[in-house]
Amino acid sequence: MRNLLIFILVLIVVWWARRAMQRFAEESRARREQNAQRAEAAKQVPERMLSCEHCGLHVPESEGVRADGRFFCSDAHRRLGVRDEHRG
């Protein structure tokens, strides 16, 4: 009976150790993937910042609005149009 309990205990320890090693391997793989994504993001070219023709605020080009060859920070400022007060 004692040998059976020891055998069951050994099986439980082996099962636990195997699960712990699998978890460690998954975490390591996830960390490597994160590091690769960070390295890829660091390689990307920074986005241009353009000045709004209405208020002068500098906004990333992808977030702004273009109209008639001019750049605005928002659709509301596009509707208001060009204002020269911010330049000076």
PDB file of N, CA and C in Angstrom:
ATOM      1  N   MET A   1       0.822  -1.188   0.000  1.00  0.00           N
ATOM      2  CA  MET A   1       0.000   0.000   0.000  1.00  0.00           C
ATOM      3  C   MET A   1       0.875   1.265   0.000  1.00  0.00           C
ATOM      4  N   ARG A   2       1.941   1.208   0.811  1.00  0.00           N
ATOM      5  CA  ARG A   2       2.833   2.342   0.880  1.00  0.00           C
ATOM      6  C   ARG A   2       3.490   2.599  -0.468  1.00  0.00           C
ATOM      7  N   ASN A   3       3.875   1.548  -1.168  1.00  0.00           N
ATOM      8  CA  ASN A   3       4.504   1.689  -2.481  1.00  0.00           C
ATOM      9  C   ASN A   3       3.533   2.303  -3.491  1.00  0.00           C
ATOM     10  N   LEU A   4       2.283   1.963  -3.410  1.00  0.00           N
ATOM     11  CA  LEU A   4       1.275   2.516  -4.312  1.00  0.00           C
ATOM     12  C   LEU A   4       1.124   4.018  -4.086  1.00  0.00           C
ATOM     13  N   LEU A   5       1.102   4.474  -2.840  1.00  0.00           N
ATOM     14  CA  LEU A   5       1.009   5.894  -2.527  1.00  0.00           C
ATOM     15  C   LEU A   5       2.243   6.653  -3.035  1.00  0.00           C
ATOM     16  N   ILE A   6       3.407   6.071  -2.874  1.00  0.00           N
ATOM     17  CA  ILE A   6       4.640   6.699  -3.371  1.00  0.00           C
ATOM     18  C   ILE A   6       4.594   6.783  -4.889  1.00  0.00           C
ATOM     19  N   PHE A   7       4.137   5.744  -5.544  1.00  0.00           N
ATOM     20  CA  PHE A   7       4.027   5.740  -7.003  1.00  0.00           C
ATOM     21  C   PHE A   7       3.065   6.834  -7.483  1.00  0.00           C
ATOM     22  N   ILE A   8       1.917   6.960  -6.826  1.00  0.00           N
ATOM     23  CA  ILE A   8       0.946   8.000  -7.194  1.00  0.00           C
ATOM     24  C   ILE A   8       1.548   9.386  -6.962  1.00  0.00           C
ATOM     25  N   LEU A   9       2.263   9.560  -5.856  1.00  0.00           N
ATOM     26  CA  LEU A   9       2.912  10.838  -5.566  1.00  0.00           C
ATOM     27  C   LEU A   9       3.958  11.178  -6.627  1.00  0.00           C
ATOM     28  N   VAL A  10       4.728  10.190  -7.055  1.00  0.00           N
ATOM     29  CA  VAL A  10       5.729  10.407  -8.104  1.00  0.00           C
ATOM     30  C   VAL A  10       5.038  10.801  -9.407  1.00  0.00           C
ATOM     31  N   LEU A  11       3.940  10.165  -9.756  1.00  0.00           N
ATOM     32  CA  LEU A  11       3.200  10.514 -10.966  1.00  0.00           C
ATOM     33  C   LEU A  11       2.696  11.957 -10.909  1.00  0.00           C
ATOM     34  N   ILE A  12       2.190  12.353  -9.754  1.00  0.00           N
ATOM     35  CA  ILE A  12       1.695  13.724  -9.593  1.00  0.00           C
ATOM     36  C   ILE A  12       2.838  14.723  -9.749  1.00  0.00           C
ATOM     37  N   VAL A  13       3.996  14.438  -9.159  1.00  0.00           N
ATOM     38  CA  VAL A  13       5.148  15.341  -9.265  1.00  0.00           C
ATOM     39  C   VAL A  13       5.621  15.432 -10.723  1.00  0.00           C
ATOM     40  N   VAL A  14       5.662  14.312 -11.420  1.00  0.00           N
ATOM     41  CA  VAL A  14       6.076  14.310 -12.827  1.00  0.00           C
ATOM     42  C   VAL A  14       5.081  15.112 -13.660  1.00  0.00           C
ATOM     43  N   TRP A  15       3.803  14.918 -13.429  1.00  0.00           N
ATOM     44  CA  TRP A  15       2.768  15.657 -14.167  1.00  0.00           C
ATOM     45  C   TRP A  15       2.894  17.157 -13.913  1.00  0.00           C
ATOM     46  N   TRP A  16       3.102  17.537 -12.640  1.00  0.00           N
ATOM     47  CA  TRP A  16       3.239  18.952 -12.289  1.00  0.00           C
ATOM     48  C   TRP A  16       4.486  19.559 -12.938  1.00  0.00           C
ATOM     49  N   ALA A  17       5.605  18.841 -12.907  1.00  0.00           N
ATOM     50  CA  ALA A  17       6.849  19.344 -13.500  1.00  0.00           C
ATOM     51  C   ALA A  17       6.696  19.518 -15.010  1.00  0.00           C
ATOM     52  N   ARG A  18       6.030  18.586 -15.652  1.00  0.00           N
ATOM     53  CA  ARG A  18       5.821  18.677 -17.107  1.00  0.00           C
ATOM     54  C   ARG A  18       4.971  19.899 -17.449  1.00  0.00           C
ATOM     55  N   ARG A  19       3.906  20.124 -16.696  1.00  0.00           N
ATOM     56  CA  ARG A  19       3.056  21.300 -16.931  1.00  0.00           C
ATOM     57  C   ARG A  19       3.828  22.595 -16.704  1.00  0.00           C
ATOM     58  N   ALA A  20       4.660  22.625 -15.667  1.00  0.00           N
ATOM     59  CA  ALA A  20       5.446  23.823 -15.370  1.00  0.00           C
ATOM     60  C   ALA A  20       6.433  24.108 -16.501  1.00  0.00           C
ATOM     61  N   MET A  21       7.043  23.091 -17.047  1.00  0.00           N
ATOM     62  CA  MET A  21       7.995  23.277 -18.150  1.00  0.00           C
ATOM     63  C   MET A  21       7.274  23.747 -19.416  1.00  0.00           C
ATOM     64  N   GLN A  22       6.086  23.215 -19.681  1.00  0.00           N
ATOM     65  CA  GLN A  22       5.315  23.670 -20.844  1.00  0.00           C
ATOM     66  C   GLN A  22       4.930  25.138 -20.689  1.00  0.00           C
ATOM     67  N   ARG A  23       4.501  25.515 -19.519  1.00  0.00           N
ATOM     68  CA  ARG A  23       4.126  26.902 -19.251  1.00  0.00           C
ATOM     69  C   ARG A  23       5.336  27.826 -19.432  1.00  0.00           C
ATOM     70  N   PHE A  24       6.487  27.407 -18.939  1.00  0.00           N
ATOM     71  CA  PHE A  24       7.707  28.193 -19.079  1.00  0.00           C
ATOM     72  C   PHE A  24       8.074  28.353 -20.555  1.00  0.00           C
ATOM     73  N   ALA A  25       7.952  27.289 -21.335  1.00  0.00           N
ATOM     74  CA  ALA A  25       8.275  27.354 -22.762  1.00  0.00           C
ATOM     75  C   ALA A  25       7.314  28.293 -23.493  1.00  0.00           C
ATOM     76  N   GLU A  26       6.032  28.250 -23.147  1.00  0.00           N
ATOM     77  CA  GLU A  26       5.052  29.140 -23.782  1.00  0.00           C
ATOM     78  C   GLU A  26       5.338  30.603 -23.442  1.00  0.00           C
ATOM     79  N   GLU A  27       5.682  30.877 -22.191  1.00  0.00           N
ATOM     80  CA  GLU A  27       6.001  32.249 -21.789  1.00  0.00           C
ATOM     81  C   GLU A  27       7.258  32.743 -22.491  1.00  0.00           C
ATOM     82  N   SER A  28       8.246  31.886 -22.639  1.00  0.00           N
ATOM     83  CA  SER A  28       9.477  32.271 -23.338  1.00  0.00           C
ATOM     84  C   SER A  28       9.187  32.590 -24.797  1.00  0.00           C
ATOM     85  N   ARG A  29       8.368  31.767 -25.435  1.00  0.00           N
ATOM     86  CA  ARG A  29       8.013  31.998 -26.836  1.00  0.00           C
ATOM     87  C   ARG A  29       7.250  33.316 -26.976  1.00  0.00           C
ATOM     88  N   ALA A  30       6.327  33.586 -26.058  1.00  0.00           N
ATOM     89  CA  ALA A  30       5.562  34.829 -26.110  1.00  0.00           C
ATOM     90  C   ALA A  30       6.482  36.038 -25.915  1.00  0.00           C
ATOM     91  N   ARG A  31       7.455  35.934 -25.002  1.00  0.00           N
ATOM     92  CA  ARG A  31       8.406  37.023 -24.797  1.00  0.00           C
ATOM     93  C   ARG A  31       9.244  37.271 -26.045  1.00  0.00           C
ATOM     94  N   ARG A  32       9.684  36.193 -26.707  1.00  0.00           N
ATOM     95  CA  ARG A  32      10.469  36.349 -27.935  1.00  0.00           C
ATOM     96  C   ARG A  32       9.646  37.017 -29.021  1.00  0.00           C
ATOM     97  N   GLU A  33       8.376  36.624 -29.151  1.00  0.00           N
ATOM     98  CA  GLU A  33       7.501  37.244 -30.147  1.00  0.00           C
ATOM     99  C   GLU A  33       7.294  38.722 -29.846  1.00  0.00           C
ATOM    100  N   GLN A  34       7.099  39.067 -28.580  1.00  0.00           N
ATOM    101  CA  GLN A  34       6.932  40.472 -28.193  1.00  0.00           C
ATOM    102  C   GLN A  34       8.176  41.274 -28.523  1.00  0.00           C
ATOM    103  N   ASN A  35       9.339  40.719 -28.223  1.00  0.00           N
ATOM    104  CA  ASN A  35      10.586  41.411 -28.524  1.00  0.00           C
ATOM    105  C   ASN A  35      10.757  41.604 -30.022  1.00  0.00           C
ATOM    106  N   ALA A  36      10.366  40.612 -30.804  1.00  0.00           N
ATOM    107  CA  ALA A  36      10.464  40.736 -32.259  1.00  0.00           C
ATOM    108  C   ALA A  36       9.515  41.821 -32.768  1.00  0.00           C
ATOM    109  N   GLN A  37       8.312  41.889 -32.204  1.00  0.00           N
ATOM    110  CA  GLN A  37       7.362  42.922 -32.608  1.00  0.00           C
ATOM    111  C   GLN A  37       7.873  44.307 -32.224  1.00  0.00           C
ATOM    112  N   ARG A  38       8.468  44.441 -31.048  1.00  0.00           N
ATOM    113  CA  ARG A  38       9.029  45.731 -30.631  1.00  0.00           C
ATOM    114  C   ARG A  38      10.176  46.149 -31.547  1.00  0.00           C
ATOM    115  N   ALA A  39      11.008  45.183 -31.920  1.00  0.00           N
ATOM    116  CA  ALA A  39      12.127  45.496 -32.811  1.00  0.00           C
ATOM    117  C   ALA A  39      11.607  45.931 -34.172  1.00  0.00           C
ATOM    118  N   GLU A  40      10.569  45.264 -34.652  1.00  0.00           N
ATOM    119  CA  GLU A  40       9.972  45.632 -35.946  1.00  0.00           C
ATOM    120  C   GLU A  40       9.357  47.027 -35.870  1.00  0.00           C
ATOM    121  N   ALA A  41       8.686  47.333 -34.773  1.00  0.00           N
ATOM    122  CA  ALA A  41       8.078  48.652 -34.615  1.00  0.00           C
ATOM    123  C   ALA A  41       9.152  49.734 -34.540  1.00  0.00           C
ATOM    124  N   ALA A  42      10.287  49.413 -33.934  1.00  0.00           N
ATOM    125  CA  ALA A  42      11.365  50.389 -33.823  1.00  0.00           C
ATOM    126  C   ALA A  42      11.991  50.679 -35.186  1.00  0.00           C
ATOM    127  N   LYS A  43      11.910  49.728 -36.103  1.00  0.00           N
ATOM    128  CA  LYS A  43      12.488  49.904 -37.438  1.00  0.00           C
ATOM    129  C   LYS A  43      11.624  50.787 -38.327  1.00  0.00           C
ATOM    130  N   GLN A  44      10.358  50.930 -38.003  1.00  0.00           N
ATOM    131  CA  GLN A  44       9.448  51.687 -38.847  1.00  0.00           C
ATOM    132  C   GLN A  44       9.839  53.165 -38.874  1.00  0.00           C
ATOM    133  N   VAL A  45       9.573  53.786 -40.010  1.00  0.00           N
ATOM    134  CA  VAL A  45       9.892  55.199 -40.186  1.00  0.00           C
ATOM    135  C   VAL A  45       8.867  56.040 -39.432  1.00  0.00           C
ATOM    136  N   PRO A  46       9.313  57.058 -38.709  1.00  0.00           N
ATOM    137  CA  PRO A  46       8.355  57.903 -37.996  1.00  0.00           C
ATOM    138  C   PRO A  46       7.444  58.658 -38.968  1.00  0.00           C
ATOM    139  N   GLU A  47       6.247  58.904 -38.528  1.00  0.00           N
ATOM    140  CA  GLU A  47       5.256  59.575 -39.372  1.00  0.00           C
ATOM    141  C   GLU A  47       5.480  61.086 -39.362  1.00  0.00           C
ATOM    142  N   ARG A  48       5.211  61.708 -40.489  1.00  0.00           N
ATOM    143  CA  ARG A  48       5.365  63.159 -40.593  1.00  0.00           C
ATOM    144  C   ARG A  48       4.306  63.866 -39.767  1.00  0.00           C
ATOM    145  N   MET A  49       4.711  64.979 -39.151  1.00  0.00           N
ATOM    146  CA  MET A  49       3.791  65.835 -38.408  1.00  0.00           C
ATOM    147  C   MET A  49       3.577  67.085 -39.245  1.00  0.00           C
ATOM    148  N   LEU A  50       2.319  67.426 -39.489  1.00  0.00           N
ATOM    149  CA  LEU A  50       1.991  68.589 -40.303  1.00  0.00           C
ATOM    150  C   LEU A  50       1.218  69.600 -39.471  1.00  0.00           C
ATOM    151  N   SER A  51       1.357  70.856 -39.823  1.00  0.00           N
ATOM    152  CA  SER A  51       0.717  71.940 -39.106  1.00  0.00           C
ATOM    153  C   SER A  51      -0.674  72.200 -39.682  1.00  0.00           C
ATOM    154  N   CYS A  52      -1.655  72.360 -38.817  1.00  0.00           N
ATOM    155  CA  CYS A  52      -3.024  72.676 -39.241  1.00  0.00           C
ATOM    156  C   CYS A  52      -3.046  74.099 -39.806  1.00  0.00           C
ATOM    157  N   GLU A  53      -3.704  74.257 -40.934  1.00  0.00           N
ATOM    158  CA  GLU A  53      -3.790  75.575 -41.578  1.00  0.00           C
ATOM    159  C   GLU A  53      -4.696  76.527 -40.801  1.00  0.00           C
ATOM    160  N   HIS A  54      -5.501  76.004 -39.886  1.00  0.00           N
ATOM    161  CA  HIS A  54      -6.411  76.857 -39.118  1.00  0.00           C
ATOM    162  C   HIS A  54      -5.806  77.258 -37.768  1.00  0.00           C
ATOM    163  N   CYS A  55      -5.347  76.278 -36.998  1.00  0.00           N
ATOM    164  CA  CYS A  55      -4.902  76.577 -35.636  1.00  0.00           C
ATOM    165  C   CYS A  55      -3.398  76.435 -35.422  1.00  0.00           C
ATOM    166  N   GLY A  56      -2.707  75.827 -36.360  1.00  0.00           N
ATOM    167  CA  GLY A  56      -1.267  75.671 -36.231  1.00  0.00           C
ATOM    168  C   GLY A  56      -0.822  74.447 -35.450  1.00  0.00           C
ATOM    169  N   LEU A  57      -1.755  73.654 -34.957  1.00  0.00           N
ATOM    170  CA  LEU A  57      -1.434  72.457 -34.197  1.00  0.00           C
ATOM    171  C   LEU A  57      -0.743  71.444 -35.108  1.00  0.00           C
ATOM    172  N   HIS A  58       0.318  70.812 -34.610  1.00  0.00           N
ATOM    173  CA  HIS A  58       1.008  69.783 -35.382  1.00  0.00           C
ATOM    174  C   HIS A  58       0.365  68.433 -35.083  1.00  0.00           C
ATOM    175  N   VAL A  59      -0.057  67.759 -36.145  1.00  0.00           N
ATOM    176  CA  VAL A  59      -0.805  66.500 -36.039  1.00  0.00           C
ATOM    177  C   VAL A  59      -0.144  65.481 -36.961  1.00  0.00           C
ATOM    178  N   PRO A  60      -0.126  64.181 -36.571  1.00  0.00           N
ATOM    179  CA  PRO A  60       0.371  63.164 -37.495  1.00  0.00           C
ATOM    180  C   PRO A  60      -0.425  63.202 -38.804  1.00  0.00           C
ATOM    181  N   GLU A  61       0.259  63.006 -39.895  1.00  0.00           N
ATOM    182  CA  GLU A  61      -0.368  63.123 -41.207  1.00  0.00           C
ATOM    183  C   GLU A  61      -1.576  62.191 -41.359  1.00  0.00           C
ATOM    184  N   SER A  62      -1.507  61.003 -40.785  1.00  0.00           N
ATOM    185  CA  SER A  62      -2.604  60.049 -40.937  1.00  0.00           C
ATOM    186  C   SER A  62      -3.851  60.448 -40.151  1.00  0.00           C
ATOM    187  N   GLU A  63      -3.727  61.315 -39.157  1.00  0.00           N
ATOM    188  CA  GLU A  63      -4.865  61.700 -38.323  1.00  0.00           C
ATOM    189  C   GLU A  63      -5.530  62.992 -38.779  1.00  0.00           C
ATOM    190  N   GLY A  64      -4.900  63.696 -39.699  1.00  0.00           N
ATOM    191  CA  GLY A  64      -5.441  64.967 -40.155  1.00  0.00           C
ATOM    192  C   GLY A  64      -6.357  64.812 -41.355  1.00  0.00           C
ATOM    193  N   VAL A  65      -6.820  65.972 -41.851  1.00  0.00           N
ATOM    194  CA  VAL A  65      -7.750  66.022 -42.980  1.00  0.00           C
ATOM    195  C   VAL A  65      -7.138  66.933 -44.041  1.00  0.00           C
ATOM    196  N   ARG A  66      -7.220  66.517 -45.296  1.00  0.00           N
ATOM    197  CA  ARG A  66      -6.721  67.338 -46.397  1.00  0.00           C
ATOM    198  C   ARG A  66      -7.892  67.854 -47.209  1.00  0.00           C
ATOM    199  N   ALA A  67      -7.755  69.119 -47.668  1.00  0.00           N
ATOM    200  CA  ALA A  67      -8.764  69.713 -48.538  1.00  0.00           C
ATOM    201  C   ALA A  67      -8.094  70.796 -49.373  1.00  0.00           C
ATOM    202  N   ASP A  68      -8.281  70.749 -50.663  1.00  0.00           N
ATOM    203  CA  ASP A  68      -7.731  71.751 -51.590  1.00  0.00           C
ATOM    204  C   ASP A  68      -6.229  71.936 -51.399  1.00  0.00           C
ATOM    205  N   GLY A  69      -5.523  70.851 -51.178  1.00  0.00           N
ATOM    206  CA  GLY A  69      -4.076  70.920 -51.031  1.00  0.00           C
ATOM    207  C   GLY A  69      -3.612  71.453 -49.687  1.00  0.00           C
ATOM    208  N   ARG A  70      -4.505  71.658 -48.759  1.00  0.00           N
ATOM    209  CA  ARG A  70      -4.154  72.171 -47.432  1.00  0.00           C
ATOM    210  C   ARG A  70      -4.413  71.073 -46.393  1.00  0.00           C
ATOM    211  N   PHE A  71      -3.763  71.201 -45.243  1.00  0.00           N
ATOM    212  CA  PHE A  71      -3.862  70.200 -44.181  1.00  0.00           C
ATOM    213  C   PHE A  71      -4.513  70.821 -42.949  1.00  0.00           C
ATOM    214  N   PHE A  72      -5.474  70.098 -42.374  1.00  0.00           N
ATOM    215  CA  PHE A  72      -6.179  70.558 -41.175  1.00  0.00           C
ATOM    216  C   PHE A  72      -6.154  69.452 -40.123  1.00  0.00           C
ATOM    217  N   CYS A  73      -6.218  69.837 -38.860  1.00  0.00           N
ATOM    218  CA  CYS A  73      -6.170  68.855 -37.774  1.00  0.00           C
ATOM    219  C   CYS A  73      -7.496  68.114 -37.606  1.00  0.00           C
ATOM    220  N   SER A  74      -8.600  68.718 -38.043  1.00  0.00           N
ATOM    221  CA  SER A  74      -9.899  68.072 -37.893  1.00  0.00           C
ATOM    222  C   SER A  74     -10.843  68.543 -39.001  1.00  0.00           C
ATOM    223  N   ASP A  75     -11.953  67.847 -39.116  1.00  0.00           N
ATOM    224  CA  ASP A  75     -12.940  68.217 -40.125  1.00  0.00           C
ATOM    225  C   ASP A  75     -13.576  69.573 -39.792  1.00  0.00           C
ATOM    226  N   ALA A  76     -13.722  69.869 -38.500  1.00  0.00           N
ATOM    227  CA  ALA A  76     -14.292  71.157 -38.100  1.00  0.00           C
ATOM    228  C   ALA A  76     -13.389  72.301 -38.557  1.00  0.00           C
ATOM    229  N   HIS A  77     -12.081  72.144 -38.408  1.00  0.00           N
ATOM    230  CA  HIS A  77     -11.160  73.187 -38.850  1.00  0.00           C
ATOM    231  C   HIS A  77     -11.097  73.254 -40.375  1.00  0.00           C
ATOM    232  N   ARG A  78     -11.323  72.141 -41.048  1.00  0.00           N
ATOM    233  CA  ARG A  78     -11.382  72.166 -42.504  1.00  0.00           C
ATOM    234  C   ARG A  78     -12.559  73.027 -42.950  1.00  0.00           C
ATOM    235  N   ARG A  79     -13.686  72.861 -42.270  1.00  0.00           N
ATOM    236  CA  ARG A  79     -14.872  73.655 -42.620  1.00  0.00           C
ATOM    237  C   ARG A  79     -14.668  75.138 -42.312  1.00  0.00           C
ATOM    238  N   LEU A  80     -13.947  75.446 -41.235  1.00  0.00           N
ATOM    239  CA  LEU A  80     -13.698  76.843 -40.882  1.00  0.00           C
ATOM    240  C   LEU A  80     -12.713  77.511 -41.838  1.00  0.00           C
ATOM    241  N   GLY A  81     -11.830  76.733 -42.412  1.00  0.00           N
ATOM    242  CA  GLY A  81     -10.901  77.257 -43.406  1.00  0.00           C
ATOM    243  C   GLY A  81      -9.612  77.790 -42.815  1.00  0.00           C
ATOM    244  N   VAL A  82      -8.822  78.431 -43.670  1.00  0.00           N
ATOM    245  CA  VAL A  82      -7.496  78.924 -43.300  1.00  0.00           C
ATOM    246  C   VAL A  82      -7.618  80.185 -42.458  1.00  0.00           C
ATOM    247  N   ARG A  83      -6.798  80.262 -41.427  1.00  0.00           N
ATOM    248  CA  ARG A  83      -6.737  81.453 -40.588  1.00  0.00           C
ATOM    249  C   ARG A  83      -5.259  81.784 -40.400  1.00  0.00           C
ATOM    250  N   ASP A  84      -4.852  82.999 -40.698  1.00  0.00           N
ATOM    251  CA  ASP A  84      -3.445  83.367 -40.646  1.00  0.00           C
ATOM    252  C   ASP A  84      -2.999  83.891 -39.301  1.00  0.00           C
ATOM    253  N   GLU A  85      -3.882  83.961 -38.298  1.00  0.00           N
ATOM    254  CA  GLU A  85      -3.520  84.516 -36.996  1.00  0.00           C
ATOM    255  C   GLU A  85      -2.470  83.682 -36.278  1.00  0.00           C
ATOM    256  N   HIS A  86      -2.480  82.343 -36.495  1.00  0.00           N
ATOM    257  CA  HIS A  86      -1.535  81.495 -35.776  1.00  0.00           C
ATOM    258  C   HIS A  86      -0.124  81.628 -36.334  1.00  0.00           C
ATOM    259  N   ARG A  87       0.033  82.208 -37.487  1.00  0.00           N
ATOM    260  CA  ARG A  87       1.365  82.377 -38.083  1.00  0.00           C
ATOM    261  C   ARG A  87       1.846  83.785 -37.742  1.00  0.00           C
ATOM    262  N   GLY A  88       3.028  83.888 -37.309  1.00  0.00           N
ATOM    263  CA  GLY A  88       3.457  85.228 -37.034  1.00  0.00           C
ATOM    264  C   GLY A  88       4.693  85.256 -36.346  1.00  0.00           C
TER     265      GLY A  88
END
